[in-house]
Protein backbone atom coordinates (compact mmCIF):
# COMPACT_ATOMS: atom_id res chain seq x y z
CA MET A 1 -30.78 18.47 -7.90
CA THR A 2 -28.10 15.85 -8.53
CA VAL A 3 -26.35 15.91 -11.88
CA GLN A 4 -25.33 12.50 -13.21
CA GLY A 5 -22.91 11.77 -16.01
CA LYS A 6 -21.82 15.37 -16.45
CA PRO A 7 -18.10 15.46 -15.61
CA ALA A 8 -16.36 18.66 -14.69
CA THR A 9 -13.31 19.65 -16.69
CA PRO A 10 -10.13 18.59 -14.87
CA SER A 11 -7.56 21.16 -13.91
CA ASN A 12 -4.06 20.96 -15.32
CA THR A 13 -2.41 19.38 -12.31
CA SER A 14 1.14 18.17 -12.77
CA GLU A 15 0.62 15.27 -10.34
CA GLU A 16 -2.61 13.40 -9.84
CA VAL A 17 -4.09 13.48 -6.36
CA LEU A 18 -7.09 11.67 -4.92
CA GLU A 19 -9.05 14.08 -2.72
CA ILE A 20 -11.69 12.58 -0.42
CA ALA A 21 -13.89 14.69 1.85
CA LEU A 22 -16.89 12.54 2.71
CA THR A 23 -19.47 11.99 5.42
CA LEU A 24 -21.69 8.93 5.75
CA GLN A 25 -24.22 8.88 8.58
CA ARG A 26 -25.69 5.63 9.83
CA ALA A 27 -27.71 4.75 12.93
CA ASN A 28 -24.76 3.82 15.14
CA PHE A 29 -21.82 4.97 13.05
CA GLU A 30 -20.53 8.10 11.35
CA LEU A 31 -17.84 8.10 8.70
CA LYS A 32 -16.17 11.50 8.42
CA VAL A 33 -13.03 11.65 6.33
CA ASP A 34 -11.01 14.48 4.81
CA VAL A 35 -7.79 13.21 3.27
CA SER A 36 -5.65 13.83 0.20
CA LEU A 37 -3.73 10.87 -1.21
CA PRO A 38 -1.18 10.59 -4.01
CA ALA A 39 -2.72 8.92 -7.05
CA GLN A 40 0.24 6.60 -7.36
CA GLY A 41 1.38 3.44 -5.65
CA ILE A 42 -0.88 1.63 -3.18
CA SER A 43 -2.71 3.60 -0.51
CA VAL A 44 -3.70 1.08 2.16
CA LEU A 45 -6.72 1.76 4.38
CA PHE A 46 -5.81 -0.02 7.61
CA GLY A 47 -7.65 -0.38 10.88
CA PRO A 48 -9.77 -2.73 12.98
CA SER A 49 -13.10 -4.11 11.83
CA GLY A 50 -15.79 -1.44 11.98
CA SER A 51 -13.38 1.47 11.51
CA GLY A 52 -15.00 2.48 8.20
CA LYS A 53 -12.50 1.16 5.65
CA THR A 54 -14.96 -0.57 3.34
CA SER A 55 -17.57 2.17 3.78
CA LEU A 56 -15.01 4.71 2.59
CA LEU A 57 -14.11 2.57 -0.41
CA ARG A 58 -17.76 2.19 -1.35
CA CYS A 59 -18.29 5.95 -1.06
CA VAL A 60 -15.39 6.60 -3.44
CA ALA A 61 -16.93 4.11 -5.86
CA GLY A 62 -20.32 5.84 -5.65
CA LEU A 63 -21.96 2.76 -4.13
CA GLU A 64 -23.21 4.53 -0.99
CA PRO A 65 -26.19 6.75 -1.96
CA HIS A 66 -26.14 8.47 1.43
CA GLY A 67 -22.47 9.41 1.29
CA VAL A 68 -22.15 13.18 0.89
CA GLY A 69 -19.14 15.35 0.19
CA ARG A 70 -16.45 15.57 -2.45
CA VAL A 71 -14.36 13.03 -4.41
CA VAL A 72 -11.81 14.36 -6.91
CA LEU A 73 -9.30 12.29 -8.87
CA GLY A 74 -6.59 14.21 -10.68
CA GLY A 75 -8.82 17.25 -11.12
CA SER A 76 -11.86 15.25 -12.29
CA VAL A 77 -14.71 15.98 -9.88
CA MET A 78 -16.62 12.71 -9.55
CA GLN A 79 -18.71 13.93 -6.63
CA ASP A 80 -19.41 17.31 -5.10
CA THR A 81 -22.67 17.28 -3.18
CA ALA A 82 -22.64 21.06 -2.67
CA GLN A 83 -22.47 21.56 -6.45
CA GLY A 84 -25.00 18.83 -7.24
CA ILE A 85 -22.41 16.61 -8.95
CA HIS A 86 -22.59 12.87 -8.48
CA TRP A 87 -21.29 10.53 -11.15
CA PRO A 88 -22.98 7.11 -10.93
CA SER A 89 -20.70 4.17 -10.22
CA HIS A 90 -20.58 2.87 -13.78
CA GLN A 91 -19.29 6.22 -15.06
CA ARG A 92 -16.51 6.66 -12.54
CA PRO A 93 -13.11 5.71 -14.05
CA LEU A 94 -12.55 3.08 -11.36
CA GLY A 95 -12.06 -0.67 -11.16
CA TYR A 96 -13.45 -2.52 -8.13
CA VAL A 97 -12.28 -5.87 -6.78
CA PHE A 98 -14.34 -7.41 -3.97
CA GLN A 99 -13.41 -9.96 -1.29
CA GLU A 100 -15.02 -12.67 -3.40
CA ALA A 101 -13.97 -12.90 -7.04
CA SER A 102 -17.65 -13.05 -8.17
CA LEU A 103 -16.81 -14.58 -11.53
CA PHE A 104 -19.52 -15.63 -13.98
CA GLU A 105 -19.73 -19.42 -13.76
CA HIS A 106 -21.22 -19.77 -17.27
CA LEU A 107 -18.18 -18.05 -18.83
CA ASP A 108 -14.62 -19.31 -19.05
CA VAL A 109 -11.68 -17.15 -17.96
CA MET A 110 -11.44 -15.27 -21.26
CA GLY A 111 -15.19 -14.68 -21.22
CA ASN A 112 -14.95 -13.17 -17.76
CA LEU A 113 -12.06 -10.95 -18.82
CA ARG A 114 -13.87 -9.78 -21.94
CA PHE A 115 -16.89 -8.84 -19.87
CA GLY A 116 -14.88 -5.83 -18.72
CA LEU A 117 -14.90 -4.63 -22.33
CA ASN A 118 -18.70 -4.62 -22.65
CA PRO A 119 -19.37 -1.48 -24.72
CA LYS A 120 -22.62 -0.83 -22.85
CA ARG A 121 -20.54 -0.18 -19.74
CA LEU A 122 -18.19 2.15 -21.60
CA HIS A 123 -20.68 4.09 -23.67
CA ASN A 124 -20.03 7.59 -22.38
CA LYS A 125 -17.47 9.06 -24.78
CA MET A 126 -17.46 12.41 -23.03
CA LEU A 127 -16.53 10.71 -19.78
CA HIS A 128 -13.55 8.98 -21.31
CA ARG A 129 -12.40 12.08 -23.16
CA VAL A 130 -12.52 14.23 -20.02
CA ALA A 131 -11.58 11.74 -17.32
CA ARG A 132 -8.76 9.84 -19.00
CA PRO A 133 -7.85 9.73 -22.67
CA PRO A 134 -7.27 5.99 -23.18
CA LYS A 135 -3.64 5.14 -23.89
CA LEU A 136 -4.48 1.65 -25.17
CA CYS A 137 -7.24 0.21 -27.31
CA ALA A 138 -9.51 -2.21 -25.49
CA LYS A 139 -7.76 -5.31 -26.86
CA ASP A 140 -4.32 -3.99 -25.93
CA ALA A 141 -5.52 -3.21 -22.41
CA LEU A 142 -6.86 -6.75 -22.07
CA ASP A 143 -3.65 -8.25 -23.45
CA GLN A 144 -1.63 -6.18 -20.99
CA ALA A 145 -3.73 -7.38 -18.05
CA ILE A 146 -3.32 -11.00 -19.17
CA GLU A 147 0.45 -10.62 -19.43
CA VAL A 148 1.03 -8.75 -16.17
CA LEU A 149 -1.15 -11.13 -14.15
CA GLY A 150 0.16 -14.30 -15.80
CA LEU A 151 -3.25 -15.42 -17.05
CA SER A 152 -2.33 -16.71 -20.52
CA THR A 153 -2.35 -20.38 -19.46
CA LEU A 154 -5.76 -20.03 -17.80
CA LEU A 155 -7.80 -18.44 -20.59
CA GLY A 156 -9.70 -21.56 -21.69
CA ARG A 157 -10.43 -22.85 -18.19
CA GLU A 158 -13.84 -22.95 -16.58
CA THR A 159 -13.98 -20.81 -13.44
CA GLN A 160 -14.81 -23.88 -11.31
CA GLN A 161 -11.36 -25.26 -12.17
CA LEU A 162 -9.50 -22.28 -10.71
CA SER A 163 -7.86 -22.01 -7.30
CA GLY A 164 -8.84 -19.14 -5.03
CA GLY A 165 -5.71 -17.19 -5.96
CA GLU A 166 -6.32 -17.74 -9.67
CA ARG A 167 -9.93 -16.56 -9.33
CA GLN A 168 -8.80 -13.31 -7.70
CA ARG A 169 -6.20 -12.73 -10.43
CA VAL A 170 -8.97 -13.09 -13.02
CA ALA A 171 -11.18 -10.68 -11.08
CA ILE A 172 -8.34 -8.15 -10.99
CA GLY A 173 -7.71 -8.66 -14.71
CA ARG A 174 -11.39 -8.05 -15.47
CA ALA A 175 -11.19 -4.75 -13.56
CA LEU A 176 -7.99 -3.76 -15.39
CA ALA A 177 -9.58 -4.39 -18.78
CA THR A 178 -11.74 -1.29 -18.27
CA GLN A 179 -8.54 0.84 -18.12
CA PRO A 180 -9.40 2.45 -14.77
CA ARG A 181 -7.54 5.45 -13.43
CA LEU A 182 -7.83 4.01 -9.92
CA LEU A 183 -8.22 0.42 -8.76
CA LEU A 184 -10.23 -0.20 -5.58
CA LEU A 185 -9.59 -3.45 -3.71
CA ASP A 186 -11.72 -4.47 -0.73
CA GLU A 187 -9.75 -7.08 1.22
CA PRO A 188 -9.13 -9.11 -1.95
CA LEU A 189 -7.15 -11.78 -0.08
CA ALA A 190 -9.45 -12.17 2.95
CA SER A 191 -11.13 -15.32 1.66
CA LEU A 192 -7.84 -17.03 0.74
CA ASP A 193 -5.73 -19.33 2.87
CA HIS A 194 -2.13 -18.46 3.74
CA GLY A 195 -0.67 -20.29 0.75
CA ARG A 196 -2.95 -18.61 -1.78
CA ARG A 197 -2.23 -15.19 -0.23
CA ARG A 198 1.50 -15.74 -0.69
CA GLU A 199 0.74 -16.75 -4.27
CA ILE A 200 -1.11 -13.55 -5.20
CA LEU A 201 0.90 -10.91 -3.30
CA PRO A 202 3.71 -10.84 -5.91
CA TRP A 203 1.12 -10.13 -8.62
CA LEU A 204 -0.18 -7.14 -6.68
CA GLU A 205 3.40 -5.89 -6.29
CA LYS A 206 3.87 -6.31 -10.02
CA LEU A 207 0.79 -4.20 -10.74
CA ARG A 208 2.13 -1.50 -8.41
CA ASP A 209 5.65 -1.51 -9.83
CA GLU A 210 5.07 -2.17 -13.54
CA LEU A 211 1.70 -0.66 -14.46
CA HIS A 212 2.03 2.28 -12.05
CA LEU A 213 -1.72 2.05 -11.56
CA PRO A 214 -2.80 3.74 -8.32
CA MET A 215 -4.73 1.53 -5.91
CA LEU A 216 -6.86 2.13 -2.83
CA TYR A 217 -6.56 -1.09 -0.83
CA VAL A 218 -8.55 -2.17 2.23
CA THR A 219 -7.02 -4.69 4.62
CA HIS A 220 -6.64 -5.53 8.29
CA SER A 221 -3.68 -7.80 7.55
CA GLN A 222 -0.39 -6.42 8.84
CA THR A 223 1.49 -8.60 6.34
CA GLU A 224 -0.35 -7.10 3.37
CA MET A 225 -0.01 -3.61 4.81
CA THR A 226 3.77 -3.73 5.37
CA ARG A 227 4.43 -5.44 2.06
CA LEU A 228 2.20 -3.47 -0.31
CA ALA A 229 1.60 0.03 1.06
CA THR A 230 3.38 3.06 -0.30
CA THR A 231 0.93 5.32 1.54
CA LEU A 232 -0.74 4.24 4.77
CA VAL A 233 -4.08 5.54 6.08
CA LEU A 234 -4.81 4.57 9.69
CA MET A 235 -8.55 4.52 10.43
CA GLU A 236 -10.38 4.34 13.73
CA HIS A 237 -14.08 4.87 14.55
CA GLY A 238 -14.82 6.33 11.12
CA ARG A 239 -11.96 8.85 11.21
CA VAL A 240 -8.50 9.06 9.68
CA LYS A 241 -6.07 8.95 12.57
CA ALA A 242 -2.94 9.38 10.44
CA SER A 243 -1.91 9.19 6.80
CA GLY A 244 1.33 9.48 4.90
CA PRO A 245 4.18 7.46 3.36
CA ILE A 246 4.44 4.17 5.20
CA GLU A 247 8.03 4.89 6.21
CA GLU A 248 6.87 8.05 7.98
CA ILE A 249 4.05 6.23 9.79
CA PHE A 250 6.51 3.61 11.03
CA ALA A 251 8.83 6.41 12.12
CA ASN A 252 6.27 7.38 14.78
CA ALA A 253 6.39 5.06 17.79
CA SER A 254 2.84 5.84 18.94
CA TRP A 255 1.42 5.05 15.50
CA CYS A 256 3.37 1.77 15.47
CA ALA A 257 1.65 0.96 18.77
CA ASP A 258 -1.72 1.77 17.16
CA LEU A 259 -0.85 -0.72 14.44
CA GLY A 260 -0.20 -3.36 17.06
CA GLU A 261 3.40 -3.31 15.95
CA GLU A 262 6.71 -3.01 17.71
CA ALA A 263 8.60 0.16 16.94
CA SER A 264 10.47 -0.52 13.73
CA ALA A 265 11.75 1.10 10.57
CA LEU A 266 10.93 0.31 6.95
CA VAL A 267 13.76 0.94 4.52
CA GLN A 268 13.49 0.97 0.73
CA ALA A 269 16.65 -0.47 -0.82
CA HIS A 270 17.97 -2.52 -3.72
CA VAL A 271 20.14 -5.61 -3.88
CA TYR A 272 23.69 -4.36 -4.34
CA GLU A 273 25.68 -7.59 -4.21
CA ARG A 274 25.36 -11.25 -3.32
CA ASP A 275 27.80 -13.39 -1.37
CA LEU A 276 27.10 -16.89 -2.64
CA THR A 277 29.74 -18.41 -0.38
CA TRP A 278 27.86 -17.46 2.77
CA GLY A 279 24.33 -17.24 1.37
CA LEU A 280 24.03 -13.51 2.03
CA ALA A 281 22.87 -10.50 0.01
CA LYS A 282 23.63 -6.84 0.61
CA ALA A 283 20.91 -4.23 0.18
CA GLU A 284 22.02 -0.66 -0.43
CA PHE A 285 19.96 2.29 0.73
CA GLN A 286 20.36 5.95 1.59
CA GLY A 287 22.62 5.80 4.62
CA GLY A 288 24.53 2.59 3.95
CA GLY A 289 23.92 -1.09 3.37
CA PHE A 290 22.61 -4.14 5.20
CA TRP A 291 23.57 -7.77 4.88
CA PHE A 292 20.66 -10.21 5.11
CA ARG A 293 19.81 -13.76 4.15
CA ASP A 294 19.97 -14.11 0.37
CA PRO A 295 16.44 -14.68 -0.98
CA GLY A 296 17.77 -15.33 -4.48
CA LEU A 297 16.86 -11.95 -5.93
CA ALA A 298 18.89 -10.55 -8.81
CA THR A 299 21.35 -7.72 -8.29
CA GLY A 300 19.51 -4.41 -8.62
CA ALA A 301 16.15 -5.83 -7.50
CA PRO A 302 14.17 -3.47 -5.22
CA VAL A 303 13.53 -4.71 -1.68
CA ARG A 304 11.74 -3.43 1.40
CA LEU A 305 13.52 -4.14 4.67
CA ARG A 306 12.16 -4.03 8.18
CA ILE A 307 14.41 -3.36 11.18
CA LEU A 308 12.88 -3.87 14.63
CA ALA A 309 13.98 -1.48 17.37
CA ARG A 310 14.86 -4.41 19.63
CA ASP A 311 17.36 -5.59 17.01
CA VAL A 312 19.34 -2.32 17.10
CA SER A 313 21.95 -1.54 19.77
CA ILE A 314 24.16 1.51 20.21
CA ALA A 315 27.90 1.96 20.69
CA LEU A 316 29.86 5.17 21.30
CA SER A 317 32.79 4.07 19.13
CA GLU A 318 33.02 1.89 16.04
CA PRO A 319 32.75 -1.73 17.19
CA GLU A 320 35.62 -4.09 16.37
CA GLN A 321 35.75 -7.87 16.37
CA THR A 322 31.98 -8.22 16.63
CA SER A 323 29.67 -10.87 15.19
CA ILE A 324 27.21 -8.21 14.11
CA GLN A 325 27.56 -7.68 10.35
CA ASN A 326 25.61 -4.44 10.00
CA VAL A 327 27.25 -1.47 11.69
CA LEU A 328 26.78 2.12 10.53
CA PRO A 329 27.35 5.65 11.87
CA ALA A 330 24.28 7.50 13.10
CA LYS A 331 23.10 10.49 15.10
CA VAL A 332 20.66 10.54 18.02
CA LEU A 333 17.55 12.48 17.01
CA TRP A 334 15.58 12.05 20.21
CA ILE A 335 15.04 9.78 23.19
CA GLN A 336 11.71 8.77 24.72
CA SER A 337 10.46 6.35 27.35
CA ASP A 338 8.97 3.09 26.14
CA THR A 339 5.85 1.45 27.57
CA HIS A 340 7.87 0.33 30.62
CA PRO A 341 10.20 2.75 32.45
CA SER A 342 13.09 0.28 32.24
CA GLN A 343 13.16 0.68 28.45
CA SER A 344 13.86 3.65 26.19
CA LEU A 345 13.30 4.20 22.48
CA ILE A 346 15.96 6.12 20.59
CA ARG A 347 15.39 7.61 17.17
CA LEU A 348 18.51 7.53 14.97
CA ASP A 349 19.39 9.21 11.70
CA ALA A 350 21.77 7.27 9.44
CA SER A 351 22.62 9.68 6.62
CA GLY A 352 18.96 10.41 5.94
CA SER A 353 17.50 7.01 6.80
CA GLN A 354 15.67 6.66 10.10
CA LEU A 355 16.10 3.79 12.57
CA TRP A 356 14.77 2.93 16.01
CA ALA A 357 16.85 1.45 18.83
CA LYS A 358 15.32 -0.07 21.95
CA VAL A 359 17.73 -0.13 24.91
CA THR A 360 17.47 -0.08 28.67
CA THR A 361 17.06 3.28 30.34
CA ARG A 362 20.10 2.37 32.44
CA ALA A 363 22.16 2.04 29.24
CA VAL A 364 21.02 5.52 28.16
CA HIS A 365 22.26 6.87 31.51
CA THR A 366 25.51 4.85 31.55
CA LEU A 367 26.48 5.87 28.00
CA GLY A 368 25.38 9.46 28.58
CA LEU A 369 23.29 9.45 25.43
CA GLU A 370 21.78 12.76 24.38
CA VAL A 371 20.14 14.34 21.36
CA GLY A 372 22.59 15.28 18.62
CA GLN A 373 25.24 12.81 19.73
CA ALA A 374 27.18 10.82 17.13
CA VAL A 375 26.98 7.07 17.75
CA TRP A 376 27.29 3.73 15.98
CA ALA A 377 24.20 1.63 15.32
CA GLN A 378 24.59 -2.13 15.41
CA VAL A 379 21.79 -3.92 13.57
CA LYS A 380 21.58 -7.52 14.69
CA SER A 381 18.83 -8.64 12.33
CA VAL A 382 17.26 -7.36 9.11
CA ALA A 383 14.00 -8.83 7.83
CA LEU A 384 13.00 -8.81 4.19
CA VAL A 385 9.32 -7.91 3.95
CA GLU A 386 7.91 -10.81 1.94
């Protein structure tokens, strides 16, 4: 017999983790997932259409009645089929944002936001005491959502007067008003054009960086994945092919190929200085610093940089009188053949930060490159993920 609305007491875990072990059987498709994700940052579910991303999200939300298994968030058991536990969707401490904003046309923006505070949806006091003691009163939570998402100038507008990006910001704000412990987003930018996507991405970054609200985010957009993900979950045919910090996924050449990406490295850094004379900024990271085109960010601002393997060359001694601005010492970790025998991929360690270099196999032979060798990495181009 299934027990509804009877939460289990959470364990005293020092760090919240989202545990998902679920199976969903359909006529021509089986979803079978067993993964543990950090309940912080943005965990992006990425893969081709039909890989099971949205089905997994719906199972976590309790929207798939035939999904069986276990879903645990920070020690709170929301579903455990073997134990007969299954919290209904409205009692799970989750917010859900769909592809379409699905706003109520008869309500203005504030009316839509206040709908998230409907006491009938938040009636279970036991649930809130066990799952997450609220840190804010309902009004404060709503005010916080309005501020973080920049909605204050939109509150009196009718929903028909909003752009696509504004509608999605309101939909996200409505979900935040419920004070969820986890925000689920199912391709929230899919219905927007390129301009509106660029408009809303900074707001999602702001949620990640300022509210520290964990998110489970479905997308097949490489731009959204590289810009937003802190943890990346690669899905294929209903299975998790790989999961982990996005930097580690990009550190694996075969997984980069699965992503349809060139081998590249993602580096977390912060703006260290700006050279206004030449329009450049320097980002400092573990292992050194990179000069790149100044985007106008303030000193100290966090940035995520992407370095393609084809933009990294190798020298045996420190280069002099070169046009390349970014040169740093490194060590060869390993060498492997690329997709064509004329090319080789070389994994480099730069004081703890990992880089890829793509060079000809003849160059590997001519330079006598081998694992453990000290070299100099010349980075011709650095791209700001934006």
